[in-house]
Amino acid sequence: MAVNPRQPDGNGASSRAAEDEAAALEARYGWLEPETVIELAVDRFFPGQIAAVSSFGADSAVLLHMIARIDRSLPVLFLDTGKHFDATIDYRDALVSDLGLTSVVAVKPDAGTVASVDPAGDLHKTSPDACCHIRKVEPMARAVAPFGAWFTGRKRFQAATRQGLPTFEAAGERVRVNPLASWTVDDIKNYLYTNNLRRHPLVAYGYLSIGCQPCTSPVRPGQSVRSGRWAGRAKTECGIHFAADGSIMRMSGEIGAG
């Protein structure tokens, strides 16, 4: 079931094909263990046409470790927004070295757009959606354009907006694969411990979901994992993974990923 990169065709046929393919994969393989899903996706479903998207955040090491055990040369796309914690950049470099990943690609926002729309670098204060669009959504669209599918590390437990997250889903003309969708907090902790994986240093300070520095804060006891993202706002998703129809998802009532 090899897949070629899908380009917009203007009539929705590619999106419908992706929806059908994702539904068929979910029905047949959605229940499998994460590493099996990854191996099948890399070797059988999307050979040479799949990448991983990673924030190098709180528990990114789990998915990346699984991928490294299967194919260390798999492209790993990192959105370098220009607003990350220094600790995240340091962690990225250290984890890449630990795992032996050989194809990590830093994807940056368009410099001209940033200079025009956010010259002072403070757009996040007045319009976090607009900031996410120029620093994450548009770069993400460019990054995945050459591929037919991509992996994410999203899990159902992370937020109410992710409770129905499948393993395979359509994202516009492409298929998005969430191998860890059904994993619990304990599953993640046990995997990190068993495999002695490096943790993001900010986790120790209560940062359980780590994005751009201005829009990330520690999580209080009893709060959801993603409550520290855009705290005090209705926004819960940055929109980088798109909706099934290819549209952007940003607010709390929409199912997406950050």
C-alpha atoms as a PDB file:
ATOM      1  CA  MET A   1       0.000   0.000   0.000  1.00  0.00           C
ATOM      2  CA  ALA A   2       2.705   2.466  -1.006  1.00  0.00           C
ATOM      3  CA  VAL A   3       1.619   6.088  -1.186  1.00  0.00           C
ATOM      4  CA  ASN A   4       2.765   8.926  -3.418  1.00  0.00           C
ATOM      5  CA  PRO A   5       2.791  12.523  -2.190  1.00  0.00           C
ATOM      6  CA  ARG A   6      -0.656  14.041  -2.658  1.00  0.00           C
ATOM      7  CA  GLN A   7      -1.019  17.468  -4.141  1.00  0.00           C
ATOM      8  CA  PRO A   8      -4.231  19.519  -3.954  1.00  0.00           C
ATOM      9  CA  ASP A   9      -6.371  18.689  -6.974  1.00  0.00           C
ATOM     10  CA  GLY A  10      -9.064  21.325  -6.565  1.00  0.00           C
ATOM     11  CA  ASN A  11     -11.951  18.886  -6.404  1.00  0.00           C
ATOM     12  CA  GLY A  12     -11.360  17.093  -3.113  1.00  0.00           C
ATOM     13  CA  ALA A  13     -10.513  13.732  -4.663  1.00  0.00           C
ATOM     14  CA  SER A  14      -7.128  13.514  -2.945  1.00  0.00           C
ATOM     15  CA  SER A  15      -8.667  14.376   0.416  1.00  0.00           C
ATOM     16  CA  ARG A  16     -11.336  11.713  -0.019  1.00  0.00           C
ATOM     17  CA  ALA A  17      -8.680   9.184  -0.996  1.00  0.00           C
ATOM     18  CA  ALA A  18      -6.721  10.029   2.161  1.00  0.00           C
ATOM     19  CA  GLU A  19      -9.859   9.697   4.283  1.00  0.00           C
ATOM     20  CA  ASP A  20     -10.630   6.291   2.781  1.00  0.00           C
ATOM     21  CA  GLU A  21      -7.075   5.083   3.194  1.00  0.00           C
ATOM     22  CA  ALA A  22      -6.808   6.282   6.789  1.00  0.00           C
ATOM     23  CA  ALA A  23     -10.140   4.669   7.677  1.00  0.00           C
ATOM     24  CA  ALA A  24      -9.026   1.356   6.153  1.00  0.00           C
ATOM     25  CA  LEU A  25      -5.692   1.437   7.982  1.00  0.00           C
ATOM     26  CA  GLU A  26      -7.365   2.361  11.270  1.00  0.00           C
ATOM     27  CA  ALA A  27      -9.875  -0.491  10.997  1.00  0.00           C
ATOM     28  CA  ARG A  28      -7.218  -3.084  10.270  1.00  0.00           C
ATOM     29  CA  TYR A  29      -4.131  -1.873  12.118  1.00  0.00           C
ATOM     30  CA  GLY A  30      -5.190   0.852  14.554  1.00  0.00           C
ATOM     31  CA  TRP A  31      -5.095  -1.511  17.526  1.00  0.00           C
ATOM     32  CA  LEU A  32      -1.477  -2.630  17.065  1.00  0.00           C
ATOM     33  CA  GLU A  33       1.400  -1.701  19.362  1.00  0.00           C
ATOM     34  CA  PRO A  34       3.178   1.573  18.511  1.00  0.00           C
ATOM     35  CA  GLU A  35       6.433   0.046  17.266  1.00  0.00           C
ATOM     36  CA  THR A  36       4.535  -2.310  14.988  1.00  0.00           C
ATOM     37  CA  VAL A  37       2.530   0.609  13.598  1.00  0.00           C
ATOM     38  CA  ILE A  38       5.746   2.547  12.966  1.00  0.00           C
ATOM     39  CA  GLU A  39       7.471  -0.385  11.283  1.00  0.00           C
ATOM     40  CA  LEU A  40       4.509  -1.091   9.019  1.00  0.00           C
ATOM     41  CA  ALA A  41       4.126   2.562   8.101  1.00  0.00           C
ATOM     42  CA  VAL A  42       7.830   2.940   7.268  1.00  0.00           C
ATOM     43  CA  ASP A  43       8.375  -0.342   5.430  1.00  0.00           C
ATOM     44  CA  ARG A  44       4.980  -1.192   3.935  1.00  0.00           C
ATOM     45  CA  PHE A  45       2.368   1.557   3.881  1.00  0.00           C
ATOM     46  CA  PHE A  46       4.467   4.644   3.029  1.00  0.00           C
ATOM     47  CA  PRO A  47       7.994   3.507   2.045  1.00  0.00           C
ATOM     48  CA  GLY A  48      10.135   6.546   1.368  1.00  0.00           C
ATOM     49  CA  GLN A  49       7.121   8.822   1.794  1.00  0.00           C
ATOM     50  CA  ILE A  50       6.799   9.332   5.542  1.00  0.00           C
ATOM     51  CA  ALA A  51       8.440  11.672   8.047  1.00  0.00           C
ATOM     52  CA  ALA A  52       8.065  12.361  11.760  1.00  0.00           C
ATOM     53  CA  VAL A  53       7.158  15.719  13.260  1.00  0.00           C
ATOM     54  CA  SER A  54       8.650  16.317  16.699  1.00  0.00           C
ATOM     55  CA  SER A  55       8.616  19.260  19.094  1.00  0.00           C
ATOM     56  CA  PHE A  56      11.438  17.691  21.143  1.00  0.00           C
ATOM     57  CA  GLY A  57       9.169  18.355  24.092  1.00  0.00           C
ATOM     58  CA  ALA A  58       8.349  16.694  27.386  1.00  0.00           C
ATOM     59  CA  ASP A  59       7.993  13.103  26.183  1.00  0.00           C
ATOM     60  CA  SER A  60       9.170  13.310  22.571  1.00  0.00           C
ATOM     61  CA  ALA A  61      11.944  10.840  23.362  1.00  0.00           C
ATOM     62  CA  VAL A  62       9.454   7.947  23.353  1.00  0.00           C
ATOM     63  CA  LEU A  63       8.361   8.219  19.719  1.00  0.00           C
ATOM     64  CA  LEU A  64      11.840   9.186  18.532  1.00  0.00           C
ATOM     65  CA  HIS A  65      13.410   6.217  20.322  1.00  0.00           C
ATOM     66  CA  MET A  66      10.954   3.856  18.632  1.00  0.00           C
ATOM     67  CA  ILE A  67      11.657   5.420  15.253  1.00  0.00           C
ATOM     68  CA  ALA A  68      15.424   5.216  15.780  1.00  0.00           C
ATOM     69  CA  ARG A  69      15.172   1.497  16.468  1.00  0.00           C
ATOM     70  CA  ILE A  70      13.446   1.021  13.104  1.00  0.00           C
ATOM     71  CA  ASP A  71      15.080   3.624  10.845  1.00  0.00           C
ATOM     72  CA  ARG A  72      17.512   6.237  12.169  1.00  0.00           C
ATOM     73  CA  SER A  73      17.524   7.943   8.775  1.00  0.00           C
ATOM     74  CA  LEU A  74      13.797   8.696   8.791  1.00  0.00           C
ATOM     75  CA  PRO A  75      13.278  12.455   8.293  1.00  0.00           C
ATOM     76  CA  VAL A  76      12.395  14.179  11.577  1.00  0.00           C
ATOM     77  CA  LEU A  77      10.894  17.651  11.122  1.00  0.00           C
ATOM     78  CA  PHE A  78      11.437  20.185  13.896  1.00  0.00           C
ATOM     79  CA  LEU A  79       9.660  23.536  13.736  1.00  0.00           C
ATOM     80  CA  ASP A  80      12.290  26.050  14.772  1.00  0.00           C
ATOM     81  CA  THR A  81       9.925  28.923  15.570  1.00  0.00           C
ATOM     82  CA  GLY A  82      12.557  31.269  16.930  1.00  0.00           C
ATOM     83  CA  LYS A  83      10.644  31.326  20.226  1.00  0.00           C
ATOM     84  CA  HIS A  84      11.745  28.047  21.815  1.00  0.00           C
ATOM     85  CA  PHE A  85      13.302  27.751  25.249  1.00  0.00           C
ATOM     86  CA  ASP A  86      17.092  27.488  24.995  1.00  0.00           C
ATOM     87  CA  ALA A  87      16.659  24.262  26.966  1.00  0.00           C
ATOM     88  CA  THR A  88      14.577  22.791  24.130  1.00  0.00           C
ATOM     89  CA  ILE A  89      17.281  23.458  21.539  1.00  0.00           C
ATOM     90  CA  ASP A  90      19.922  21.959  23.825  1.00  0.00           C
ATOM     91  CA  TYR A  91      17.681  18.970  24.526  1.00  0.00           C
ATOM     92  CA  ARG A  92      17.054  18.437  20.808  1.00  0.00           C
ATOM     93  CA  ASP A  93      20.765  18.299  20.079  1.00  0.00           C
ATOM     94  CA  ALA A  94      21.494  15.959  22.982  1.00  0.00           C
ATOM     95  CA  LEU A  95      18.628  13.589  22.178  1.00  0.00           C
ATOM     96  CA  VAL A  96      19.565  13.432  18.497  1.00  0.00           C
ATOM     97  CA  SER A  97      23.058  12.410  19.564  1.00  0.00           C
ATOM     98  CA  ASP A  98      21.730   9.844  22.053  1.00  0.00           C
ATOM     99  CA  LEU A  99      19.490   8.179  19.468  1.00  0.00           C
ATOM    100  CA  GLY A 100      21.765   8.488  16.453  1.00  0.00           C
ATOM    101  CA  LEU A 101      19.128  10.211  14.321  1.00  0.00           C
ATOM    102  CA  THR A 102      20.678  11.290  11.022  1.00  0.00           C
ATOM    103  CA  SER A 103      17.963  13.296   9.233  1.00  0.00           C
ATOM    104  CA  VAL A 104      16.656  15.945  11.629  1.00  0.00           C
ATOM    105  CA  VAL A 105      15.487  18.977   9.636  1.00  0.00           C
ATOM    106  CA  ALA A 106      14.923  22.377  11.267  1.00  0.00           C
ATOM    107  CA  VAL A 107      12.013  24.083   9.546  1.00  0.00           C
ATOM    108  CA  LYS A 108      11.872  27.842  10.072  1.00  0.00           C
ATOM    109  CA  PRO A 109       9.223  30.487   9.414  1.00  0.00           C
ATOM    110  CA  ASP A 110       9.607  32.670   6.345  1.00  0.00           C
ATOM    111  CA  ALA A 111      11.917  35.505   7.363  1.00  0.00           C
ATOM    112  CA  GLY A 112      10.152  38.038   5.157  1.00  0.00           C
ATOM    113  CA  THR A 113       6.758  37.188   6.620  1.00  0.00           C
ATOM    114  CA  VAL A 114       8.031  37.435  10.193  1.00  0.00           C
ATOM    115  CA  ALA A 115       9.674  40.786   9.463  1.00  0.00           C
ATOM    116  CA  SER A 116       6.447  42.086   7.945  1.00  0.00           C
ATOM    117  CA  VAL A 117       3.841  40.658  10.318  1.00  0.00           C
ATOM    118  CA  ASP A 118       5.769  40.428  13.602  1.00  0.00           C
ATOM    119  CA  PRO A 119       8.671  42.906  13.399  1.00  0.00           C
ATOM    120  CA  ALA A 120       8.821  43.429  17.181  1.00  0.00           C
ATOM    121  CA  GLY A 121       8.500  39.705  17.958  1.00  0.00           C
ATOM    122  CA  ASP A 122       5.541  40.252  20.265  1.00  0.00           C
ATOM    123  CA  LEU A 123       2.617  39.161  18.083  1.00  0.00           C
ATOM    124  CA  HIS A 124       1.914  36.331  20.534  1.00  0.00           C
ATOM    125  CA  LYS A 125       0.680  38.921  23.049  1.00  0.00           C
ATOM    126  CA  THR A 126      -2.123  40.266  20.853  1.00  0.00           C
ATOM    127  CA  SER A 127      -2.863  37.415  18.442  1.00  0.00           C
ATOM    128  CA  PRO A 128      -1.432  34.016  19.367  1.00  0.00           C
ATOM    129  CA  ASP A 129      -3.304  32.402  16.465  1.00  0.00           C
ATOM    130  CA  ALA A 130      -1.606  34.726  13.982  1.00  0.00           C
ATOM    131  CA  CYS A 131       1.745  34.068  15.648  1.00  0.00           C
ATOM    132  CA  CYS A 132       1.216  30.306  15.407  1.00  0.00           C
ATOM    133  CA  HIS A 133       0.216  30.671  11.777  1.00  0.00           C
ATOM    134  CA  ILE A 134       3.412  32.353  10.632  1.00  0.00           C
ATOM    135  CA  ARG A 135       5.754  30.449  12.933  1.00  0.00           C
ATOM    136  CA  LYS A 136       4.182  26.966  12.886  1.00  0.00           C
ATOM    137  CA  VAL A 137       1.271  26.382  10.522  1.00  0.00           C
ATOM    138  CA  GLU A 138       2.777  27.764   7.314  1.00  0.00           C
ATOM    139  CA  PRO A 139       6.229  26.229   7.929  1.00  0.00           C
ATOM    140  CA  MET A 140       4.577  22.917   8.808  1.00  0.00           C
ATOM    141  CA  ALA A 141       2.633  22.915   5.538  1.00  0.00           C
ATOM    142  CA  ARG A 142       5.890  23.421   3.644  1.00  0.00           C
ATOM    143  CA  ALA A 143       7.662  20.727   5.647  1.00  0.00           C
ATOM    144  CA  VAL A 144       5.153  17.932   5.021  1.00  0.00           C
ATOM    145  CA  ALA A 145       4.458  18.832   1.379  1.00  0.00           C
ATOM    146  CA  PRO A 146       6.976  16.305  -0.036  1.00  0.00           C
ATOM    147  CA  PHE A 147       5.522  13.418   1.989  1.00  0.00           C
ATOM    148  CA  GLY A 148       2.453  11.226   1.794  1.00  0.00           C
ATOM    149  CA  ALA A 149       2.196  10.766   5.562  1.00  0.00           C
ATOM    150  CA  TRP A 150       3.787  11.738   8.859  1.00  0.00           C
ATOM    151  CA  PHE A 151       4.072  10.561  12.452  1.00  0.00           C
ATOM    152  CA  THR A 152       3.055  12.592  15.489  1.00  0.00           C
ATOM    153  CA  GLY A 153       3.477  11.907  19.198  1.00  0.00           C
ATOM    154  CA  ARG A 154      -0.048  12.942  20.210  1.00  0.00           C
ATOM    155  CA  LYS A 155      -1.907  10.971  22.883  1.00  0.00           C
ATOM    156  CA  ARG A 156      -5.571  10.866  23.913  1.00  0.00           C
ATOM    157  CA  PHE A 157      -4.850  11.636  27.550  1.00  0.00           C
ATOM    158  CA  GLN A 158      -3.235  14.984  26.780  1.00  0.00           C
ATOM    159  CA  ALA A 159      -6.435  17.002  26.490  1.00  0.00           C
ATOM    160  CA  ALA A 160     -10.195  16.747  26.058  1.00  0.00           C
ATOM    161  CA  THR A 161      -9.734  17.746  22.416  1.00  0.00           C
ATOM    162  CA  ARG A 162      -7.721  14.562  21.811  1.00  0.00           C
ATOM    163  CA  GLN A 163      -9.905  11.944  23.481  1.00  0.00           C
ATOM    164  CA  GLY A 164     -11.125  10.504  20.183  1.00  0.00           C
ATOM    165  CA  LEU A 165      -7.717  10.490  18.516  1.00  0.00           C
ATOM    166  CA  PRO A 166      -7.256   7.504  16.147  1.00  0.00           C
ATOM    167  CA  THR A 167      -3.976   5.877  15.207  1.00  0.00           C
ATOM    168  CA  PHE A 168      -4.498   6.660  11.510  1.00  0.00           C
ATOM    169  CA  GLU A 169      -6.347   9.746  10.302  1.00  0.00           C
ATOM    170  CA  ALA A 170      -6.617  11.915   7.219  1.00  0.00           C
ATOM    171  CA  ALA A 171      -5.029  15.364   7.145  1.00  0.00           C
ATOM    172  CA  GLY A 172      -6.002  16.990   3.904  1.00  0.00           C
ATOM    173  CA  GLU A 173      -4.395  15.024   1.061  1.00  0.00           C
ATOM    174  CA  ARG A 174      -2.158  13.064   3.433  1.00  0.00           C
ATOM    175  CA  VAL A 175      -2.353  10.504   6.229  1.00  0.00           C
ATOM    176  CA  ARG A 176      -1.306  11.342   9.770  1.00  0.00           C
ATOM    177  CA  VAL A 177      -0.124   8.480  11.984  1.00  0.00           C
ATOM    178  CA  ASN A 178      -0.367   8.701  15.784  1.00  0.00           C
ATOM    179  CA  PRO A 179       1.312   5.490  17.048  1.00  0.00           C
ATOM    180  CA  LEU A 180       1.032   6.498  20.728  1.00  0.00           C
ATOM    181  CA  ALA A 181      -2.619   7.596  20.587  1.00  0.00           C
ATOM    182  CA  SER A 182      -3.865   4.986  23.073  1.00  0.00           C
ATOM    183  CA  TRP A 183      -0.932   5.163  25.493  1.00  0.00           C
ATOM    184  CA  THR A 184      -1.453   6.387  29.040  1.00  0.00           C
ATOM    185  CA  VAL A 185       0.692   8.550  31.296  1.00  0.00           C
ATOM    186  CA  ASP A 186       1.986   5.384  32.957  1.00  0.00           C
ATOM    187  CA  ASP A 187       2.842   3.824  29.587  1.00  0.00           C
ATOM    188  CA  ILE A 188       4.955   6.855  28.748  1.00  0.00           C
ATOM    189  CA  LYS A 189       6.678   6.943  32.145  1.00  0.00           C
ATOM    190  CA  ASN A 190       7.434   3.217  32.060  1.00  0.00           C
ATOM    191  CA  TYR A 191       8.897   3.410  28.561  1.00  0.00           C
ATOM    192  CA  LEU A 192      11.096   6.364  29.456  1.00  0.00           C
ATOM    193  CA  TYR A 193      12.332   4.583  32.585  1.00  0.00           C
ATOM    194  CA  THR A 194      12.819   1.164  31.006  1.00  0.00           C
ATOM    195  CA  ASN A 195      14.834   2.584  28.127  1.00  0.00           C
ATOM    196  CA  ASN A 196      16.700   5.132  30.275  1.00  0.00           C
ATOM    197  CA  LEU A 197      15.778   7.971  27.953  1.00  0.00           C
ATOM    198  CA  ARG A 198      16.888  11.549  28.420  1.00  0.00           C
ATOM    199  CA  ARG A 199      14.120  13.846  29.709  1.00  0.00           C
ATOM    200  CA  HIS A 200      13.531  17.439  28.757  1.00  0.00           C
ATOM    201  CA  PRO A 201      15.039  19.394  31.701  1.00  0.00           C
ATOM    202  CA  LEU A 202      11.965  21.616  32.094  1.00  0.00           C
ATOM    203  CA  VAL A 203       9.776  18.631  33.028  1.00  0.00           C
ATOM    204  CA  ALA A 204      11.352  18.708  36.479  1.00  0.00           C
ATOM    205  CA  TYR A 205       9.947  22.224  36.901  1.00  0.00           C
ATOM    206  CA  GLY A 206       6.359  21.287  36.034  1.00  0.00           C
ATOM    207  CA  TYR A 207       6.418  21.933  32.296  1.00  0.00           C
ATOM    208  CA  LEU A 208       4.483  18.913  31.006  1.00  0.00           C
ATOM    209  CA  SER A 209       3.746  20.216  27.517  1.00  0.00           C
ATOM    210  CA  ILE A 210       6.486  22.388  26.092  1.00  0.00           C
ATOM    211  CA  GLY A 211       6.096  24.767  23.185  1.00  0.00           C
ATOM    212  CA  CYS A 212       7.301  28.315  22.559  1.00  0.00           C
ATOM    213  CA  GLN A 213       8.637  30.075  25.660  1.00  0.00           C
ATOM    214  CA  PRO A 214       6.185  33.025  25.732  1.00  0.00           C
ATOM    215  CA  CYS A 215       3.134  30.752  25.573  1.00  0.00           C
ATOM    216  CA  THR A 216       4.219  27.911  27.877  1.00  0.00           C
ATOM    217  CA  SER A 217       3.921  27.743  31.664  1.00  0.00           C
ATOM    218  CA  PRO A 218       4.157  25.028  34.330  1.00  0.00           C
ATOM    219  CA  VAL A 219       1.152  22.789  34.945  1.00  0.00           C
ATOM    220  CA  ARG A 220      -0.464  22.869  38.357  1.00  0.00           C
ATOM    221  CA  PRO A 221      -1.332  19.639  40.199  1.00  0.00           C
ATOM    222  CA  GLY A 222      -4.609  18.182  38.924  1.00  0.00           C
ATOM    223  CA  GLN A 223      -4.582  20.118  35.654  1.00  0.00           C
ATOM    224  CA  SER A 224      -4.482  18.500  32.227  1.00  0.00           C
ATOM    225  CA  VAL A 225      -1.093  17.989  30.614  1.00  0.00           C
ATOM    226  CA  ARG A 226      -1.658  20.790  28.089  1.00  0.00           C
ATOM    227  CA  SER A 227      -3.123  23.332  30.504  1.00  0.00           C
ATOM    228  CA  GLY A 228       0.201  25.153  30.528  1.00  0.00           C
ATOM    229  CA  ARG A 229      -0.117  26.038  26.844  1.00  0.00           C
ATOM    230  CA  TRP A 230      -1.677  29.455  26.193  1.00  0.00           C
ATOM    231  CA  ALA A 231      -2.846  29.574  29.830  1.00  0.00           C
ATOM    232  CA  GLY A 232      -5.790  31.893  30.370  1.00  0.00           C
ATOM    233  CA  ARG A 233      -6.939  31.689  26.755  1.00  0.00           C
ATOM    234  CA  ALA A 234      -9.507  29.524  24.985  1.00  0.00           C
ATOM    235  CA  LYS A 235      -6.783  28.438  22.559  1.00  0.00           C
ATOM    236  CA  THR A 236      -5.517  24.881  23.138  1.00  0.00           C
ATOM    237  CA  GLU A 237      -4.043  23.877  19.782  1.00  0.00           C
ATOM    238  CA  CYS A 238      -1.479  25.581  17.566  1.00  0.00           C
ATOM    239  CA  GLY A 239      -2.947  24.080  14.379  1.00  0.00           C
ATOM    240  CA  ILE A 240       0.205  22.532  12.912  1.00  0.00           C
ATOM    241  CA  HIS A 241      -1.407  19.208  12.054  1.00  0.00           C
ATOM    242  CA  PHE A 242      -4.552  20.493  10.324  1.00  0.00           C
ATOM    243  CA  ALA A 243      -8.075  19.056  10.395  1.00  0.00           C
ATOM    244  CA  ALA A 244      -9.153  16.086   8.282  1.00  0.00           C
ATOM    245  CA  ASP A 245     -10.170  18.470   5.495  1.00  0.00           C
ATOM    246  CA  GLY A 246      -6.856  20.314   5.611  1.00  0.00           C
ATOM    247  CA  SER A 247      -8.152  23.363   7.507  1.00  0.00           C
ATOM    248  CA  ILE A 248      -6.359  24.873  10.510  1.00  0.00           C
ATOM    249  CA  MET A 249      -7.354  23.965  14.071  1.00  0.00           C
ATOM    250  CA  ARG A 250      -6.615  26.436  16.827  1.00  0.00           C
ATOM    251  CA  MET A 251      -9.300  26.702  19.468  1.00  0.00           C
ATOM    252  CA  SER A 252     -10.518  24.512  22.315  1.00  0.00           C
ATOM    253  CA  GLY A 253     -13.506  23.133  20.421  1.00  0.00           C
ATOM    254  CA  GLU A 254     -11.404  21.743  17.606  1.00  0.00           C
ATOM    255  CA  ILE A 255      -9.455  18.512  17.566  1.00  0.00           C
ATOM    256  CA  GLY A 256      -5.842  19.049  16.587  1.00  0.00           C
ATOM    257  CA  ALA A 257      -2.281  18.962  17.774  1.00  0.00           C
ATOM    258  CA  GLY A 258       0.443  21.219  19.011  1.00  0.00           C
END
